[in-house]
Protein backbone atom coordinates (compact mmCIF):
# COMPACT_ATOMS: atom_id res chain seq x y z
CA UNK A 1 -4.81 7.44 75.67
CA UNK A 2 -2.56 9.67 73.58
CA UNK A 3 -2.94 13.44 73.38
CA UNK A 4 -0.20 15.12 71.39
CA UNK A 5 0.55 18.31 69.49
CA UNK A 6 -2.28 20.37 71.00
CA UNK A 7 -2.31 23.62 72.95
CA UNK A 8 -3.86 22.89 76.36
CA UNK A 9 -1.62 24.74 78.81
CA UNK A 10 -3.29 23.18 81.86
CA UNK A 11 -4.76 19.86 82.90
CA UNK A 12 -8.02 20.80 84.64
CA UNK A 13 -9.46 19.16 87.76
CA UNK A 14 -11.15 15.78 87.35
CA UNK A 15 -10.07 15.40 83.73
CA UNK A 16 -9.37 11.68 84.15
CA UNK A 17 -11.75 11.03 87.06
CA UNK A 18 -13.04 7.46 87.33
CA UNK A 19 -11.23 6.44 84.16
CA UNK A 20 -9.23 3.24 83.84
CA UNK A 21 -6.15 4.08 81.81
CA UNK A 22 -3.13 1.83 81.45
CA UNK A 23 -0.99 4.31 79.51
CA UNK A 24 -1.39 8.08 79.27
CA UNK A 25 0.72 10.08 76.84
CA UNK A 26 0.51 13.87 77.05
CA UNK A 27 3.31 14.95 74.75
CA UNK A 28 3.79 18.42 73.30
CA UNK A 29 0.53 19.91 74.54
CA UNK A 30 2.18 23.05 75.96
CA UNK A 31 1.47 22.10 79.58
CA UNK A 32 2.50 24.78 82.03
CA UNK A 33 0.54 23.50 85.01
CA UNK A 34 -1.41 20.52 86.32
CA UNK A 35 -4.46 21.10 88.51
CA UNK A 36 -4.49 19.51 91.95
CA UNK A 37 -7.23 17.04 91.03
CA UNK A 38 -6.34 16.36 87.38
CA UNK A 39 -5.67 12.69 88.15
CA UNK A 40 -8.36 12.38 90.80
CA UNK A 41 -9.52 8.78 91.07
CA UNK A 42 -7.70 7.59 87.95
CA UNK A 43 -7.39 3.82 87.94
CA UNK A 44 -4.60 1.41 86.92
CA UNK A 45 -2.29 4.00 85.38
CA UNK A 46 1.03 2.25 84.78
CA UNK A 47 2.80 4.53 82.31
CA UNK A 48 2.67 8.32 82.19
CA UNK A 49 4.51 10.41 79.62
CA UNK A 50 4.47 14.18 79.88
CA UNK A 51 7.23 14.95 77.40
CA UNK A 52 7.99 18.12 75.44
CA UNK A 53 5.94 20.46 77.60
CA UNK A 54 6.68 23.53 79.71
CA UNK A 55 6.52 22.16 83.24
CA UNK A 56 8.97 23.82 85.63
CA UNK A 57 8.16 21.91 88.82
CA UNK A 58 7.18 18.44 89.98
CA UNK A 59 5.15 19.79 92.91
CA UNK A 60 1.86 20.11 91.01
CA UNK A 61 2.25 16.70 89.42
CA UNK A 62 3.00 14.99 92.73
CA UNK A 63 0.16 16.86 94.43
CA UNK A 64 -2.24 15.68 91.73
CA UNK A 65 -1.45 12.08 92.75
CA UNK A 66 -2.56 12.70 96.34
CA UNK A 67 -6.11 11.42 95.72
CA UNK A 68 -4.87 8.00 94.58
CA UNK A 69 -4.78 5.21 97.14
CA UNK A 70 -1.25 4.12 98.04
CA UNK A 71 -2.64 0.58 98.22
CA UNK A 72 -2.94 0.63 94.45
CA UNK A 73 -0.04 -1.76 93.82
CA UNK A 74 -0.33 -1.35 90.08
CA UNK A 75 -0.05 2.43 89.98
CA UNK A 76 2.65 4.02 87.86
CA UNK A 77 5.77 2.03 87.17
CA UNK A 78 7.03 4.38 84.45
CA UNK A 79 7.14 8.18 84.53
CA UNK A 80 8.67 10.21 81.70
CA UNK A 81 9.11 13.97 81.87
CA UNK A 82 11.56 14.51 79.02
CA UNK A 83 12.13 17.90 77.42
CA UNK A 84 10.38 20.10 79.96
CA UNK A 85 11.76 23.05 81.90
CA UNK A 86 12.39 21.30 85.20
CA UNK A 87 15.21 22.92 87.16
CA UNK A 88 15.06 21.11 90.52
CA UNK A 89 14.51 17.56 91.62
CA UNK A 90 13.35 16.65 95.07
CA UNK A 91 14.46 13.11 95.69
CA UNK A 92 11.69 12.58 98.23
CA UNK A 93 8.86 11.24 96.15
CA UNK A 94 5.33 10.67 97.42
CA UNK A 95 4.48 7.13 98.61
CA UNK A 96 2.21 6.55 95.62
CA UNK A 97 5.33 6.38 93.43
CA UNK A 98 6.76 3.41 95.31
CA UNK A 99 6.37 1.14 92.26
CA UNK A 100 8.40 3.25 89.86
CA UNK A 101 10.76 1.20 87.76
CA UNK A 102 11.64 3.80 85.14
CA UNK A 103 12.00 7.51 85.74
CA UNK A 104 13.19 9.72 82.88
CA UNK A 105 14.03 13.44 83.15
CA UNK A 106 16.17 13.60 80.01
CA UNK A 107 16.79 17.02 78.45
CA UNK A 108 15.49 19.27 81.20
CA UNK A 109 17.30 22.16 82.85
CA UNK A 110 18.05 20.52 86.16
CA UNK A 111 20.65 22.40 88.16
CA UNK A 112 19.76 21.28 91.68
CA UNK A 113 19.04 17.82 93.07
């Protein structure tokens, strides 16, 4: 699924609930926040791009993954967050991200790791 060049601002709860999505691209949709249950019960997501948005923190994104079973061995092996407004990185990622192979924070405003 590709959603680009729109003005959403927020990903609401249950937006992708019970959907099987291999690749989700949410580029340049003016995201400022992600609701806690935006990715509730999403299935088989391997690649997530949230590039060219206005996210300032990873906390909401990571919290939105909390409803996904950590037994899902196929969940998310690529995460891109290029060209956002991230300023801090917490190097303690949630267990659900254990399969990450590629992580890209290019062109953010990271000053603290």
